[in-house]
Amino acid sequence: MRTNSELNRSKKSYRGNFIILPIVFLLIGYILFFVCLTPVLDPLVSVYKLAFSNANASSAVDEAGTNSIFNGATGVHSGLLTCDDFEYPTWGKIFGTIKVDNTDIDCDLIFGDSKELLKNGACMSISSHIPGCGTGVLVAAHNNTYFHTLPDAQVGDLVHLETNYGSFVYRVYGTKIVDTSKPNHADDYFPELYGDKEILLLYTCWPINTLASTPLRYFTLCEFVSGPQVNMYETAEVEANE
């Protein structure tokens, strides 16, 4: 038979467990809730900041520490440029803007496409080329912020890229949806990206209103209309000697 002292200790232990266990289960529940909803909460936070912040895209980028080498339109719409004629963008720098007719797309163009940079504007992949090089240009932005209205662009609409070295115009000629979960999915857009024509590929997550992670990507394909040609393999001195 247990003594009064043992009974008291047992009651205290029971009361302690009665208090501690619910707190432990509550904390575990909060952790699981946070982990499960993080893929959804991040886009919602981005949408909130874009919709309700008084700062525009450029100031948001500056606050994030992204530098800009873009000072507005250059007035250069044609001609031949060499690597001596402009400052080549480096990772994380704003080097232009992008506007798409018949959409709300009007934002900074950033060199590089990390998760952090995608919060601040449209991002050009370093796996592609800068505009004017005569081959594919790959630009992405989030479907719930900067490229939310990308599907509004129709065949024939124009895309305007102002860069720190020239003005470029492209014309929409088609769209496609790519499932990145499938093997060899890159075959669906590599011909345009690495072909012998300058094609601008704009893409974002699909469906356009999704907030969770998705393997589908919506591509808008645009043909080159005008802009200066860029020769990255010659300097002004070599060109003059020729």
Protein backbone atom coordinates (compact mmCIF):
# COMPACT_ATOMS: atom_id res chain seq x y z
CA MET A 1 0.00 0.00 0.00
CA ARG A 2 1.38 3.40 -1.01
CA THR A 3 2.07 6.06 1.58
CA ASN A 4 0.58 9.55 1.54
CA SER A 5 3.92 10.91 0.34
CA GLU A 6 3.90 8.57 -2.64
CA LEU A 7 0.30 9.44 -3.44
CA ASN A 8 1.11 13.15 -3.36
CA ARG A 9 4.06 12.68 -5.70
CA SER A 10 1.86 10.67 -8.05
CA LYS A 11 -0.77 13.41 -8.10
CA LYS A 12 1.85 16.08 -8.79
CA SER A 13 3.29 14.01 -11.63
CA TYR A 14 -0.18 13.55 -13.09
CA ARG A 15 -0.92 17.27 -12.87
CA GLY A 16 2.45 18.06 -14.45
CA ASN A 17 1.79 15.71 -17.36
CA PHE A 18 -1.73 17.12 -17.71
CA ILE A 19 -0.24 20.59 -18.26
CA ILE A 20 2.90 19.74 -20.24
CA LEU A 21 1.54 17.19 -22.72
CA PRO A 22 -1.11 19.50 -24.29
CA ILE A 23 1.55 22.18 -24.70
CA VAL A 24 3.90 19.70 -26.41
CA PHE A 25 1.14 18.51 -28.77
CA LEU A 26 0.17 22.11 -29.50
CA LEU A 27 3.75 23.00 -30.45
CA ILE A 28 4.02 19.92 -32.68
CA GLY A 29 0.76 20.90 -34.34
CA TYR A 30 2.00 24.43 -35.03
CA ILE A 31 5.24 23.09 -36.52
CA LEU A 32 3.40 20.68 -38.81
CA PHE A 33 0.94 23.41 -39.81
CA PHE A 34 3.79 25.79 -40.69
CA VAL A 35 5.72 23.18 -42.69
CA CYS A 36 2.65 22.13 -44.68
CA LEU A 37 1.55 25.67 -45.49
CA THR A 38 4.93 27.25 -46.27
CA PRO A 39 4.60 26.61 -50.05
CA VAL A 40 1.26 28.43 -49.95
CA LEU A 41 2.17 31.21 -47.53
CA ASP A 42 5.24 32.43 -49.45
CA PRO A 43 3.27 33.34 -52.60
CA LEU A 44 0.53 34.94 -50.47
CA VAL A 45 3.09 37.12 -48.72
CA SER A 46 4.52 38.13 -52.10
CA VAL A 47 1.06 39.02 -53.39
CA TYR A 48 0.31 41.04 -50.25
CA LYS A 49 3.57 42.99 -50.52
CA LEU A 50 2.99 43.72 -54.21
CA ALA A 51 -0.65 44.72 -53.76
CA PHE A 52 -0.48 46.77 -50.57
CA SER A 53 3.03 48.16 -50.46
CA ASN A 54 3.42 51.80 -51.49
CA ALA A 55 6.85 50.99 -52.89
CA ASN A 56 7.17 50.12 -56.55
CA ALA A 57 9.16 47.21 -57.92
CA SER A 58 12.34 49.22 -58.26
CA SER A 59 12.39 50.39 -54.67
CA ALA A 60 11.64 46.88 -53.44
CA VAL A 61 14.69 45.64 -55.31
CA ASP A 62 16.86 48.38 -53.88
CA GLU A 63 15.74 47.47 -50.37
CA ALA A 64 16.77 43.87 -51.08
CA GLY A 65 20.26 45.07 -51.94
CA THR A 66 20.02 44.51 -55.69
CA ASN A 67 22.04 47.05 -57.68
CA SER A 68 20.95 48.67 -60.92
CA ILE A 69 22.96 49.49 -64.02
CA PHE A 70 19.85 50.68 -65.83
CA ASN A 71 19.33 54.43 -66.15
CA GLY A 72 16.41 54.56 -68.57
CA ALA A 73 16.05 54.39 -72.33
CA THR A 74 19.32 54.67 -74.26
CA GLY A 75 17.84 55.63 -77.62
CA VAL A 76 19.80 52.80 -79.26
CA HIS A 77 17.30 50.92 -81.45
CA SER A 78 19.62 49.41 -84.05
CA GLY A 79 23.24 49.07 -85.12
CA LEU A 80 26.07 46.84 -83.96
CA LEU A 81 27.43 46.80 -80.41
CA THR A 82 30.56 45.14 -79.10
CA CYS A 83 31.46 44.25 -75.52
CA ASP A 84 33.25 47.62 -75.21
CA ASP A 85 30.03 49.54 -75.84
CA PHE A 86 28.18 48.71 -72.63
CA GLU A 87 28.43 47.22 -69.17
CA TYR A 88 27.56 43.54 -69.24
CA PRO A 89 25.15 42.71 -66.38
CA THR A 90 26.36 40.60 -63.49
CA TRP A 91 24.39 38.40 -61.12
CA GLY A 92 21.59 40.20 -59.29
CA LYS A 93 21.79 43.49 -61.19
CA ILE A 94 18.84 45.27 -62.77
CA PHE A 95 19.81 45.92 -66.36
CA GLY A 96 16.49 46.93 -67.87
CA THR A 97 12.71 46.80 -67.82
CA ILE A 98 10.10 44.66 -69.55
CA LYS A 99 6.64 45.67 -70.76
CA VAL A 100 4.11 43.45 -72.55
CA ASP A 101 1.25 44.93 -74.57
CA ASN A 102 -2.31 44.17 -73.39
CA THR A 103 -1.06 42.95 -69.99
CA ASP A 104 -0.15 44.56 -66.67
CA ILE A 105 3.48 43.45 -67.04
CA ASP A 106 5.77 46.43 -66.46
CA CYS A 107 8.68 45.64 -64.16
CA ASP A 108 12.44 45.49 -63.73
CA LEU A 109 14.55 43.03 -65.70
CA ILE A 110 17.14 41.34 -63.48
CA PHE A 111 20.16 39.26 -64.47
CA GLY A 112 19.89 35.93 -62.65
CA ASP A 113 16.89 33.92 -61.51
CA SER A 114 17.30 32.84 -57.89
CA LYS A 115 14.36 32.52 -55.50
CA GLU A 116 15.23 35.84 -53.87
CA LEU A 117 15.62 37.72 -57.15
CA LEU A 118 12.28 36.43 -58.44
CA LYS A 119 10.60 38.35 -55.62
CA ASN A 120 11.76 41.62 -57.19
CA GLY A 121 10.91 41.45 -60.89
CA ALA A 122 11.33 39.49 -64.10
CA CYS A 123 14.57 37.50 -64.10
CA MET A 124 16.71 36.49 -67.05
CA SER A 125 18.34 33.07 -66.84
CA ILE A 126 22.12 33.05 -67.10
CA SER A 127 21.67 29.85 -69.14
CA SER A 128 20.41 32.00 -72.00
CA HIS A 129 21.83 35.07 -73.74
CA ILE A 130 21.18 38.77 -73.24
CA PRO A 131 18.98 40.46 -75.87
CA GLY A 132 20.67 41.19 -79.18
CA CYS A 133 22.94 38.14 -79.40
CA GLY A 134 20.87 36.39 -82.06
CA THR A 135 19.71 33.42 -80.00
CA GLY A 136 17.31 32.54 -77.18
CA VAL A 137 16.52 34.88 -74.27
CA LEU A 138 14.84 33.19 -71.29
CA VAL A 139 12.92 35.35 -68.80
CA ALA A 140 10.79 34.19 -65.85
CA ALA A 141 8.66 35.74 -63.11
CA HIS A 142 6.17 34.51 -60.52
CA ASN A 143 2.66 33.75 -61.72
CA ASN A 144 1.12 35.37 -58.64
CA THR A 145 2.98 38.68 -58.98
CA TYR A 146 4.83 40.14 -61.97
CA PHE A 147 3.72 37.64 -64.67
CA HIS A 148 0.18 37.08 -63.41
CA THR A 149 -1.28 38.54 -66.62
CA LEU A 150 1.14 36.85 -69.02
CA PRO A 151 -1.62 34.66 -70.56
CA ASP A 152 -3.40 37.89 -71.61
CA ALA A 153 -0.71 38.42 -74.25
CA GLN A 154 -2.06 37.29 -77.61
CA VAL A 155 -0.38 36.44 -80.91
CA GLY A 156 0.77 39.68 -82.50
CA ASP A 157 1.21 41.61 -79.24
CA LEU A 158 4.56 43.32 -78.72
CA VAL A 159 7.04 42.89 -75.88
CA HIS A 160 9.36 45.82 -75.10
CA LEU A 161 12.71 45.28 -73.42
CA GLU A 162 14.63 48.41 -72.43
CA THR A 163 18.17 47.57 -71.38
CA ASN A 164 21.22 49.52 -70.29
CA TYR A 165 22.57 49.22 -73.84
CA GLY A 166 19.58 49.33 -76.17
CA SER A 167 15.85 49.02 -76.88
CA PHE A 168 14.42 45.72 -78.10
CA VAL A 169 11.01 44.76 -79.45
CA TYR A 170 9.64 41.22 -79.83
CA ARG A 171 6.31 39.93 -81.17
CA VAL A 172 4.30 37.12 -79.60
CA TYR A 173 3.82 34.22 -82.03
CA GLY A 174 2.78 31.32 -79.82
CA THR A 175 2.40 29.72 -76.40
CA LYS A 176 2.96 26.28 -74.90
CA ILE A 177 2.65 24.51 -71.56
CA VAL A 178 5.58 22.38 -70.43
CA ASP A 179 5.40 19.70 -67.74
CA THR A 180 8.78 19.87 -66.00
CA SER A 181 8.10 16.60 -64.16
CA LYS A 182 8.44 14.62 -67.38
CA PRO A 183 11.79 13.24 -68.56
CA ASN A 184 13.39 15.27 -71.35
CA HIS A 185 10.93 18.13 -70.78
CA ALA A 186 13.64 20.56 -71.88
CA ASP A 187 13.20 19.25 -75.43
CA ASP A 188 9.94 21.22 -75.51
CA TYR A 189 11.72 24.59 -75.43
CA PHE A 190 15.42 23.97 -76.16
CA PRO A 191 14.94 24.40 -79.94
CA GLU A 192 13.77 27.98 -79.37
CA LEU A 193 16.26 28.68 -76.59
CA TYR A 194 19.37 27.45 -78.41
CA GLY A 195 18.36 27.82 -82.04
CA ASP A 196 19.82 30.11 -84.68
CA LYS A 197 17.08 32.75 -84.28
CA GLU A 198 16.59 35.25 -81.49
CA ILE A 199 13.53 34.05 -79.62
CA LEU A 200 12.33 35.59 -76.36
CA LEU A 201 10.81 32.98 -74.04
CA LEU A 202 8.70 34.33 -71.20
CA TYR A 203 7.51 31.75 -68.68
CA THR A 204 5.76 31.35 -65.37
CA CYS A 205 4.05 28.69 -63.27
CA TRP A 206 0.77 27.21 -64.47
CA PRO A 207 -2.18 27.25 -63.75
CA ILE A 208 -1.83 31.00 -63.48
CA ASN A 209 -3.87 31.28 -60.25
CA THR A 210 -2.12 28.48 -58.40
CA LEU A 211 -0.48 29.29 -55.09
CA ALA A 212 1.12 25.92 -54.38
CA SER A 213 4.12 24.38 -56.12
CA THR A 214 3.39 23.01 -59.57
CA PRO A 215 5.55 21.33 -62.27
CA LEU A 216 3.71 23.05 -65.13
CA ARG A 217 5.18 26.09 -66.88
CA TYR A 218 3.39 28.48 -69.23
CA PHE A 219 5.62 29.73 -72.06
CA THR A 220 5.00 32.74 -74.30
CA LEU A 221 7.19 32.65 -77.41
CA CYS A 222 8.21 35.92 -79.06
CA GLU A 223 10.10 36.58 -82.29
CA PHE A 224 12.70 39.33 -82.65
CA VAL A 225 11.40 42.52 -84.31
CA SER A 226 14.02 45.20 -83.70
CA GLY A 227 16.99 46.19 -81.60
CA PRO A 228 20.77 46.51 -81.83
CA GLN A 229 22.90 43.49 -82.61
CA VAL A 230 25.43 42.48 -79.96
CA ASN A 231 28.76 40.86 -80.83
CA MET A 232 30.25 39.59 -77.58
CA TYR A 233 33.38 38.21 -79.28
CA GLU A 234 34.76 41.43 -80.72
CA THR A 235 35.98 44.66 -79.20
CA ALA A 236 35.63 48.11 -80.72
CA GLU A 237 39.37 48.07 -81.57
CA VAL A 238 39.09 44.85 -83.59
CA GLU A 239 36.02 46.16 -85.39
CA ALA A 240 37.83 49.40 -86.31
CA ASN A 241 40.81 47.50 -87.74
CA GLU A 242 38.52 45.48 -89.95
